[in-house]
């Protein structure tokens, strides 16, 4: 039954983390995808995006949903408010 207790503790930690993210209006970085110059980025909102410059798509957890932002290289904030262009959920 130790595994059940550990599972309960893990669930409680996740619930408290989600509550803290929602309350503080901070977003948690969960994934970074780097694109090389010339690669195409498919987005729901803007269609196919690509260019001569490299780009980064940062995926954030808000405590309620997942959001993706297109940003300049290496500008993903680990915990904070994103600075890029939102490209959808």
PDB file of N, CA and C in Angstrom:
ATOM      1  N   UNK A   1       0.794  -1.197   0.000  1.00  0.00           N
ATOM      2  CA  UNK A   1       0.000   0.000   0.000  1.00  0.00           C
ATOM      3  C   UNK A   1       0.844   1.273   0.000  1.00  0.00           C
ATOM      4  N   UNK A   2       2.187   1.129   0.077  1.00  0.00           N
ATOM      5  CA  UNK A   2       3.052   2.300   0.013  1.00  0.00           C
ATOM      6  C   UNK A   2       2.926   3.000  -1.331  1.00  0.00           C
ATOM      7  N   UNK A   3       2.739   2.233  -2.414  1.00  0.00           N
ATOM      8  CA  UNK A   3       2.621   2.836  -3.745  1.00  0.00           C
ATOM      9  C   UNK A   3       1.367   3.700  -3.837  1.00  0.00           C
ATOM     10  N   UNK A   4       0.313   3.315  -3.133  1.00  0.00           N
ATOM     11  CA  UNK A   4      -0.920   4.094  -3.143  1.00  0.00           C
ATOM     12  C   UNK A   4      -0.710   5.426  -2.412  1.00  0.00           C
ATOM     13  N   UNK A   5       0.028   5.393  -1.326  1.00  0.00           N
ATOM     14  CA  UNK A   5       0.331   6.614  -0.581  1.00  0.00           C
ATOM     15  C   UNK A   5       1.205   7.542  -1.431  1.00  0.00           C
ATOM     16  N   UNK A   6       2.212   6.971  -2.110  1.00  0.00           N
ATOM     17  CA  UNK A   6       3.084   7.774  -2.976  1.00  0.00           C
ATOM     18  C   UNK A   6       2.304   8.383  -4.140  1.00  0.00           C
ATOM     19  N   UNK A   7       1.385   7.619  -4.690  1.00  0.00           N
ATOM     20  CA  UNK A   7       0.542   8.128  -5.762  1.00  0.00           C
ATOM     21  C   UNK A   7      -0.323   9.288  -5.272  1.00  0.00           C
ATOM     22  N   UNK A   8      -0.861   9.167  -4.071  1.00  0.00           N
ATOM     23  CA  UNK A   8      -1.661  10.235  -3.476  1.00  0.00           C
ATOM     24  C   UNK A   8      -0.849  11.488  -3.235  1.00  0.00           C
ATOM     25  N   UNK A   9       0.374  11.328  -2.751  1.00  0.00           N
ATOM     26  CA  UNK A   9       1.259  12.472  -2.510  1.00  0.00           C
ATOM     27  C   UNK A   9       1.613  13.148  -3.837  1.00  0.00           C
ATOM     28  N   UNK A  10       1.921  12.373  -4.873  1.00  0.00           N
ATOM     29  CA  UNK A  10       2.238  12.931  -6.190  1.00  0.00           C
ATOM     30  C   UNK A  10       1.037  13.691  -6.758  1.00  0.00           C
ATOM     31  N   UNK A  11      -0.160  13.141  -6.602  1.00  0.00           N
ATOM     32  CA  UNK A  11      -1.370  13.813  -7.084  1.00  0.00           C
ATOM     33  C   UNK A  11      -1.589  15.125  -6.327  1.00  0.00           C
ATOM     34  N   UNK A  12      -1.369  15.130  -5.045  1.00  0.00           N
ATOM     35  CA  UNK A  12      -1.527  16.341  -4.241  1.00  0.00           C
ATOM     36  C   UNK A  12      -0.516  17.414  -4.662  1.00  0.00           C
ATOM     37  N   UNK A  13       0.711  17.015  -4.935  1.00  0.00           N
ATOM     38  CA  UNK A  13       1.735  17.963  -5.386  1.00  0.00           C
ATOM     39  C   UNK A  13       1.344  18.575  -6.725  1.00  0.00           C
ATOM     40  N   UNK A  14       0.848  17.757  -7.650  1.00  0.00           N
ATOM     41  CA  UNK A  14       0.418  18.274  -8.949  1.00  0.00           C
ATOM     42  C   UNK A  14      -0.765  19.226  -8.820  1.00  0.00           C
ATOM     43  N   UNK A  15      -1.701  18.915  -7.966  1.00  0.00           N
ATOM     44  CA  UNK A  15      -2.854  19.796  -7.742  1.00  0.00           C
ATOM     45  C   UNK A  15      -2.398  21.125  -7.163  1.00  0.00           C
ATOM     46  N   UNK A  16      -1.494  21.095  -6.191  1.00  0.00           N
ATOM     47  CA  UNK A  16      -0.985  22.338  -5.600  1.00  0.00           C
ATOM     48  C   UNK A  16      -0.174  23.154  -6.597  1.00  0.00           C
ATOM     49  N   UNK A  17       0.607  22.487  -7.452  1.00  0.00           N
ATOM     50  CA  UNK A  17       1.364  23.182  -8.491  1.00  0.00           C
ATOM     51  C   UNK A  17       0.414  23.871  -9.473  1.00  0.00           C
ATOM     52  N   UNK A  18      -0.622  23.173  -9.912  1.00  0.00           N
ATOM     53  CA  UNK A  18      -1.596  23.776 -10.820  1.00  0.00           C
ATOM     54  C   UNK A  18      -2.276  24.972 -10.168  1.00  0.00           C
ATOM     55  N   UNK A  19      -2.672  24.836  -8.924  1.00  0.00           N
ATOM     56  CA  UNK A  19      -3.315  25.934  -8.209  1.00  0.00           C
ATOM     57  C   UNK A  19      -2.373  27.131  -8.093  1.00  0.00           C
ATOM     58  N   UNK A  20      -1.106  26.875  -7.788  1.00  0.00           N
ATOM     59  CA  UNK A  20      -0.126  27.956  -7.667  1.00  0.00           C
ATOM     60  C   UNK A  20       0.087  28.665  -9.009  1.00  0.00           C
ATOM     61  N   UNK A  21       0.127  27.918 -10.117  1.00  0.00           N
ATOM     62  CA  UNK A  21       0.296  28.531 -11.432  1.00  0.00           C
ATOM     63  C   UNK A  21      -0.895  29.417 -11.787  1.00  0.00           C
ATOM     64  N   UNK A  22      -2.095  28.930 -11.520  1.00  0.00           N
ATOM     65  CA  UNK A  22      -3.300  29.710 -11.820  1.00  0.00           C
ATOM     66  C   UNK A  22      -3.345  30.967 -10.963  1.00  0.00           C
ATOM     67  N   UNK A  23      -3.069  30.834  -9.682  1.00  0.00           N
ATOM     68  CA  UNK A  23      -3.133  31.967  -8.745  1.00  0.00           C
ATOM     69  C   UNK A  23      -2.088  33.044  -9.055  1.00  0.00           C
ATOM     70  N   UNK A  24      -0.882  32.619  -9.412  1.00  0.00           N
ATOM     71  CA  UNK A  24       0.214  33.564  -9.616  1.00  0.00           C
ATOM     72  C   UNK A  24       0.258  34.129 -11.031  1.00  0.00           C
ATOM     73  N   UNK A  25      -0.512  33.553 -11.943  1.00  0.00           N
ATOM     74  CA  UNK A  25      -0.532  33.958 -13.345  1.00  0.00           C
ATOM     75  C   UNK A  25       0.841  33.758 -14.006  1.00  0.00           C
ATOM     76  N   UNK A  26       1.599  32.783 -13.530  1.00  0.00           N
ATOM     77  CA  UNK A  26       2.864  32.404 -14.142  1.00  0.00           C
ATOM     78  C   UNK A  26       2.655  31.145 -14.973  1.00  0.00           C
ATOM     79  N   UNK A  27       3.478  30.989 -16.005  1.00  0.00           N
ATOM     80  CA  UNK A  27       3.369  29.827 -16.873  1.00  0.00           C
ATOM     81  C   UNK A  27       4.652  29.015 -16.777  1.00  0.00           C
ATOM     82  N   UNK A  28       4.526  27.693 -16.817  1.00  0.00           N
ATOM     83  CA  UNK A  28       5.656  26.775 -16.677  1.00  0.00           C
ATOM     84  C   UNK A  28       6.048  26.222 -18.043  1.00  0.00           C
ATOM     85  N   UNK A  29       7.307  26.374 -18.406  1.00  0.00           N
ATOM     86  CA  UNK A  29       7.815  25.862 -19.677  1.00  0.00           C
ATOM     87  C   UNK A  29       7.881  24.339 -19.617  1.00  0.00           C
ATOM     88  N   UNK A  30       7.239  23.664 -20.585  1.00  0.00           N
ATOM     89  CA  UNK A  30       7.243  22.207 -20.583  1.00  0.00           C
ATOM     90  C   UNK A  30       7.947  21.607 -21.801  1.00  0.00           C
ATOM     91  N   UNK A  31       8.104  22.391 -22.889  1.00  0.00           N
ATOM     92  CA  UNK A  31       8.757  21.851 -24.080  1.00  0.00           C
ATOM     93  C   UNK A  31       9.304  22.984 -24.942  1.00  0.00           C
ATOM     94  N   UNK A  32      10.455  22.763 -25.549  1.00  0.00           N
ATOM     95  CA  UNK A  32      11.058  23.723 -26.471  1.00  0.00           C
ATOM     96  C   UNK A  32      11.387  22.982 -27.760  1.00  0.00           C
ATOM     97  N   UNK A  33      10.956  23.539 -28.882  1.00  0.00           N
ATOM     98  CA  UNK A  33      11.266  22.961 -30.196  1.00  0.00           C
ATOM     99  C   UNK A  33      11.968  24.029 -31.019  1.00  0.00           C
ATOM    100  N   UNK A  34      13.211  23.770 -31.397  1.00  0.00           N
ATOM    101  CA  UNK A  34      13.992  24.721 -32.188  1.00  0.00           C
ATOM    102  C   UNK A  34      13.862  24.387 -33.665  1.00  0.00           C
ATOM    103  N   UNK A  35      13.679  25.416 -34.484  1.00  0.00           N
ATOM    104  CA  UNK A  35      13.567  25.274 -35.931  1.00  0.00           C
ATOM    105  C   UNK A  35      14.748  25.956 -36.595  1.00  0.00           C
ATOM    106  N   UNK A  36      15.319  25.281 -37.567  1.00  0.00           N
ATOM    107  CA  UNK A  36      16.442  25.822 -38.324  1.00  0.00           C
ATOM    108  C   UNK A  36      15.923  26.796 -39.384  1.00  0.00           C
ATOM    109  N   UNK A  37      16.780  27.670 -39.907  1.00  0.00           N
ATOM    110  CA  UNK A  37      16.355  28.580 -40.973  1.00  0.00           C
ATOM    111  C   UNK A  37      15.812  27.785 -42.166  1.00  0.00           C
ATOM    112  N   UNK A  38      14.668  28.214 -42.674  1.00  0.00           N
ATOM    113  CA  UNK A  38      14.051  27.559 -43.824  1.00  0.00           C
ATOM    114  C   UNK A  38      13.053  26.472 -43.465  1.00  0.00           C
ATOM    115  N   UNK A  39      13.036  25.992 -42.222  1.00  0.00           N
ATOM    116  CA  UNK A  39      12.056  24.979 -41.818  1.00  0.00           C
ATOM    117  C   UNK A  39      10.680  25.615 -41.708  1.00  0.00           C
ATOM    118  N   UNK A  40       9.648  24.827 -41.996  1.00  0.00           N
ATOM    119  CA  UNK A  40       8.275  25.318 -41.948  1.00  0.00           C
ATOM    120  C   UNK A  40       7.653  24.957 -40.603  1.00  0.00           C
ATOM    121  N   UNK A  41       7.006  25.940 -39.983  1.00  0.00           N
ATOM    122  CA  UNK A  41       6.293  25.736 -38.728  1.00  0.00           C
ATOM    123  C   UNK A  41       4.802  25.807 -39.043  1.00  0.00           C
ATOM    124  N   UNK A  42       4.074  24.727 -38.797  1.00  0.00           N
ATOM    125  CA  UNK A  42       2.644  24.706 -39.078  1.00  0.00           C
ATOM    126  C   UNK A  42       1.886  25.166 -37.835  1.00  0.00           C
ATOM    127  N   UNK A  43       1.072  26.202 -38.003  1.00  0.00           N
ATOM    128  CA  UNK A  43       0.292  26.732 -36.887  1.00  0.00           C
ATOM    129  C   UNK A  43      -1.181  26.764 -37.251  1.00  0.00           C
ATOM    130  N   UNK A  44      -2.036  26.670 -36.238  1.00  0.00           N
ATOM    131  CA  UNK A  44      -3.476  26.741 -36.467  1.00  0.00           C
ATOM    132  C   UNK A  44      -3.892  28.150 -36.862  1.00  0.00           C
ATOM    133  N   UNK A  45      -3.280  29.124 -36.234  1.00  0.00           N
ATOM    134  CA  UNK A  45      -3.710  30.510 -36.393  1.00  0.00           C
ATOM    135  C   UNK A  45      -3.143  31.184 -37.643  1.00  0.00           C
ATOM    136  N   UNK A  46      -1.864  30.908 -37.980  1.00  0.00           N
ATOM    137  CA  UNK A  46      -1.203  31.618 -39.072  1.00  0.00           C
ATOM    138  C   UNK A  46      -0.885  30.729 -40.277  1.00  0.00           C
ATOM    139  N   UNK A  47      -1.207  29.447 -40.229  1.00  0.00           N
ATOM    140  CA  UNK A  47      -0.854  28.544 -41.321  1.00  0.00           C
ATOM    141  C   UNK A  47       0.616  28.179 -41.256  1.00  0.00           C
ATOM    142  N   UNK A  48       1.245  28.033 -42.419  1.00  0.00           N
ATOM    143  CA  UNK A  48       2.664  27.681 -42.480  1.00  0.00           C
ATOM    144  C   UNK A  48       3.517  28.934 -42.286  1.00  0.00           C
ATOM    145  N   UNK A  49       4.434  28.859 -41.318  1.00  0.00           N
ATOM    146  CA  UNK A  49       5.322  29.977 -41.016  1.00  0.00           C
ATOM    147  C   UNK A  49       6.752  29.466 -41.150  1.00  0.00           C
ATOM    148  N   UNK A  50       7.587  30.229 -41.747  1.00  0.00           N
ATOM    149  CA  UNK A  50       8.992  29.859 -41.886  1.00  0.00           C
ATOM    150  C   UNK A  50       9.747  31.036 -42.460  1.00  0.00           C
ATOM    151  N   UNK A  51      11.033  31.037 -42.295  1.00  0.00           N
ATOM    152  CA  UNK A  51      11.786  32.177 -42.797  1.00  0.00           C
ATOM    153  C   UNK A  51      13.264  31.911 -42.847  1.00  0.00           C
ATOM    154  N   UNK A  52      14.001  32.986 -43.025  1.00  0.00           N
ATOM    155  CA  UNK A  52      15.457  32.885 -43.117  1.00  0.00           C
ATOM    156  C   UNK A  52      16.115  32.753 -41.753  1.00  0.00           C
ATOM    157  N   UNK A  53      15.417  33.176 -40.709  1.00  0.00           N
ATOM    158  CA  UNK A  53      15.980  33.155 -39.367  1.00  0.00           C
ATOM    159  C   UNK A  53      15.534  31.910 -38.598  1.00  0.00           C
ATOM    160  N   UNK A  54      16.352  31.441 -37.663  1.00  0.00           N
ATOM    161  CA  UNK A  54      15.914  30.326 -36.806  1.00  0.00           C
ATOM    162  C   UNK A  54      14.807  30.788 -35.873  1.00  0.00           C
ATOM    163  N   UNK A  55      14.026  29.860 -35.404  1.00  0.00           N
ATOM    164  CA  UNK A  55      12.917  30.194 -34.504  1.00  0.00           C
ATOM    165  C   UNK A  55      12.791  29.114 -33.440  1.00  0.00           C
ATOM    166  N   UNK A  56      12.052  29.439 -32.395  1.00  0.00           N
ATOM    167  CA  UNK A  56      11.797  28.515 -31.301  1.00  0.00           C
ATOM    168  C   UNK A  56      10.299  28.525 -31.014  1.00  0.00           C
ATOM    169  N   UNK A  57       9.735  27.336 -30.801  1.00  0.00           N
ATOM    170  CA  UNK A  57       8.351  27.241 -30.329  1.00  0.00           C
ATOM    171  C   UNK A  57       8.412  26.765 -28.885  1.00  0.00           C
ATOM    172  N   UNK A  58       7.903  27.593 -27.987  1.00  0.00           N
ATOM    173  CA  UNK A  58       7.911  27.311 -26.553  1.00  0.00           C
ATOM    174  C   UNK A  58       6.515  26.850 -26.150  1.00  0.00           C
ATOM    175  N   UNK A  59       6.423  25.725 -25.446  1.00  0.00           N
ATOM    176  CA  UNK A  59       5.145  25.204 -24.985  1.00  0.00           C
ATOM    177  C   UNK A  59       5.070  25.388 -23.474  1.00  0.00           C
ATOM    178  N   UNK A  60       3.970  26.004 -23.021  1.00  0.00           N
ATOM    179  CA  UNK A  60       3.798  26.336 -21.607  1.00  0.00           C
ATOM    180  C   UNK A  60       2.551  25.686 -21.027  1.00  0.00           C
ATOM    181  N   UNK A  61       2.617  25.335 -19.758  1.00  0.00           N
ATOM    182  CA  UNK A  61       1.470  24.868 -18.989  1.00  0.00           C
ATOM    183  C   UNK A  61       1.033  26.023 -18.089  1.00  0.00           C
ATOM    184  N   UNK A  62      -0.242  26.406 -18.181  1.00  0.00           N
ATOM    185  CA  UNK A  62      -0.752  27.555 -17.431  1.00  0.00           C
ATOM    186  C   UNK A  62      -1.390  27.157 -16.111  1.00  0.00           C
ATOM    187  N   UNK A  63      -1.520  25.880 -15.874  1.00  0.00           N
ATOM    188  CA  UNK A  63      -2.267  25.400 -14.718  1.00  0.00           C
ATOM    189  C   UNK A  63      -3.640  24.920 -15.144  1.00  0.00           C
ATOM    190  N   UNK A  64      -4.077  25.346 -16.317  1.00  0.00           N
ATOM    191  CA  UNK A  64      -5.370  24.937 -16.868  1.00  0.00           C
ATOM    192  C   UNK A  64      -5.271  24.381 -18.267  1.00  0.00           C
ATOM    193  N   UNK A  65      -4.344  24.895 -19.066  1.00  0.00           N
ATOM    194  CA  UNK A  65      -4.221  24.455 -20.449  1.00  0.00           C
ATOM    195  C   UNK A  65      -2.781  24.616 -20.933  1.00  0.00           C
ATOM    196  N   UNK A  66      -2.540  24.125 -22.144  1.00  0.00           N
ATOM    197  CA  UNK A  66      -1.221  24.197 -22.767  1.00  0.00           C
ATOM    198  C   UNK A  66      -1.276  25.237 -23.885  1.00  0.00           C
ATOM    199  N   UNK A  67      -0.280  26.122 -23.927  1.00  0.00           N
ATOM    200  CA  UNK A  67      -0.185  27.142 -24.962  1.00  0.00           C
ATOM    201  C   UNK A  67       1.178  27.079 -25.624  1.00  0.00           C
ATOM    202  N   UNK A  68       1.206  27.376 -26.935  1.00  0.00           N
ATOM    203  CA  UNK A  68       2.458  27.415 -27.687  1.00  0.00           C
ATOM    204  C   UNK A  68       2.710  28.834 -28.174  1.00  0.00           C
ATOM    205  N   UNK A  69       3.990  29.242 -28.104  1.00  0.00           N
ATOM    206  CA  UNK A  69       4.394  30.567 -28.534  1.00  0.00           C
ATOM    207  C   UNK A  69       5.570  30.457 -29.481  1.00  0.00           C
ATOM    208  N   UNK A  70       5.530  31.235 -30.551  1.00  0.00           N
ATOM    209  CA  UNK A  70       6.634  31.345 -31.494  1.00  0.00           C
ATOM    210  C   UNK A  70       7.500  32.504 -31.034  1.00  0.00           C
ATOM    211  N   UNK A  71       8.806  32.253 -30.883  1.00  0.00           N
ATOM    212  CA  UNK A  71       9.681  33.290 -30.349  1.00  0.00           C
ATOM    213  C   UNK A  71      11.031  33.241 -31.056  1.00  0.00           C
ATOM    214  N   UNK A  72      11.808  34.280 -30.826  1.00  0.00           N
ATOM    215  CA  UNK A  72      13.174  34.318 -31.331  1.00  0.00           C
ATOM    216  C   UNK A  72      13.991  33.253 -30.600  1.00  0.00           C
ATOM    217  N   UNK A  73      15.091  32.837 -31.173  1.00  0.00           N
ATOM    218  CA  UNK A  73      15.861  31.745 -30.565  1.00  0.00           C
ATOM    219  C   UNK A  73      16.262  32.014 -29.114  1.00  0.00           C
ATOM    220  N   UNK A  74      16.095  30.991 -28.323  1.00  0.00           N
ATOM    221  CA  UNK A  74      16.557  30.973 -26.933  1.00  0.00           C
ATOM    222  C   UNK A  74      15.932  32.065 -26.066  1.00  0.00           C
ATOM    223  N   UNK A  75      14.663  32.333 -26.276  1.00  0.00           N
ATOM    224  CA  UNK A  75      13.980  33.324 -25.455  1.00  0.00           C
ATOM    225  C   UNK A  75      12.851  32.701 -24.644  1.00  0.00           C
ATOM    226  N   UNK A  76      12.837  31.408 -24.480  1.00  0.00           N
ATOM    227  CA  UNK A  76      11.807  30.751 -23.676  1.00  0.00           C
ATOM    228  C   UNK A  76      12.099  31.003 -22.197  1.00  0.00           C
ATOM    229  N   UNK A  77      11.099  31.449 -21.487  1.00  0.00           N
ATOM    230  CA  UNK A  77      11.213  31.710 -20.054  1.00  0.00           C
ATOM    231  C   UNK A  77      10.764  30.454 -19.311  1.00  0.00           C
ATOM    232  N   UNK A  78      11.571  29.950 -18.371  1.00  0.00           N
ATOM    233  CA  UNK A  78      11.223  28.717 -17.671  1.00  0.00           C
ATOM    234  C   UNK A  78       9.965  28.875 -16.825  1.00  0.00           C
ATOM    235  N   UNK A  79       9.882  29.940 -16.065  1.00  0.00           N
ATOM    236  CA  UNK A  79       8.717  30.212 -15.231  1.00  0.00           C
ATOM    237  C   UNK A  79       8.441  31.701 -15.307  1.00  0.00           C
ATOM    238  N   UNK A  80       7.354  32.049 -15.945  1.00  0.00           N
ATOM    239  CA  UNK A  80       7.037  33.459 -16.119  1.00  0.00           C
ATOM    240  C   UNK A  80       5.962  33.639 -17.169  1.00  0.00           C
ATOM    241  N   UNK A  81       5.950  34.816 -17.781  1.00  0.00           N
ATOM    242  CA  UNK A  81       5.003  35.125 -18.834  1.00  0.00           C
ATOM    243  C   UNK A  81       5.716  35.100 -20.171  1.00  0.00           C
ATOM    244  N   UNK A  82       5.190  34.372 -21.156  1.00  0.00           N
ATOM    245  CA  UNK A  82       5.846  34.290 -22.460  1.00  0.00           C
ATOM    246  C   UNK A  82       5.896  35.643 -23.166  1.00  0.00           C
ATOM    247  N   UNK A  83       6.912  35.825 -24.014  1.00  0.00           N
ATOM    248  CA  UNK A  83       7.089  37.079 -24.731  1.00  0.00           C
ATOM    249  C   UNK A  83       6.825  36.932 -26.218  1.00  0.00           C
ATOM    250  N   UNK A  84       6.609  35.732 -26.711  1.00  0.00           N
ATOM    251  CA  UNK A  84       6.459  35.508 -28.139  1.00  0.00           C
ATOM    252  C   UNK A  84       5.048  35.709 -28.648  1.00  0.00           C
ATOM    253  N   UNK A  85       4.823  35.236 -29.876  1.00  0.00           N
ATOM    254  CA  UNK A  85       3.530  35.325 -30.540  1.00  0.00           C
ATOM    255  C   UNK A  85       2.768  34.036 -30.282  1.00  0.00           C
ATOM    256  N   UNK A  86       1.563  34.116 -29.700  1.00  0.00           N
ATOM    257  CA  UNK A  86       0.797  32.881 -29.452  1.00  0.00           C
ATOM    258  C   UNK A  86       0.369  32.239 -30.774  1.00  0.00           C
ATOM    259  N   UNK A  87       0.600  30.935 -30.893  1.00  0.00           N
ATOM    260  CA  UNK A  87       0.238  30.236 -32.127  1.00  0.00           C
ATOM    261  C   UNK A  87      -0.837  29.195 -31.873  1.00  0.00           C
ATOM    262  N   UNK A  88      -1.434  29.167 -30.714  1.00  0.00           N
ATOM    263  CA  UNK A  88      -2.537  28.253 -30.452  1.00  0.00           C
ATOM    264  C   UNK A  88      -2.297  27.386 -29.253  1.00  0.00           C
ATOM    265  N   UNK A  89      -3.341  26.630 -28.935  1.00  0.00           N
ATOM    266  CA  UNK A  89      -3.286  25.713 -27.790  1.00  0.00           C
ATOM    267  C   UNK A  89      -2.764  24.380 -28.230  1.00  0.00           C
TER     268      UNK A  89
END
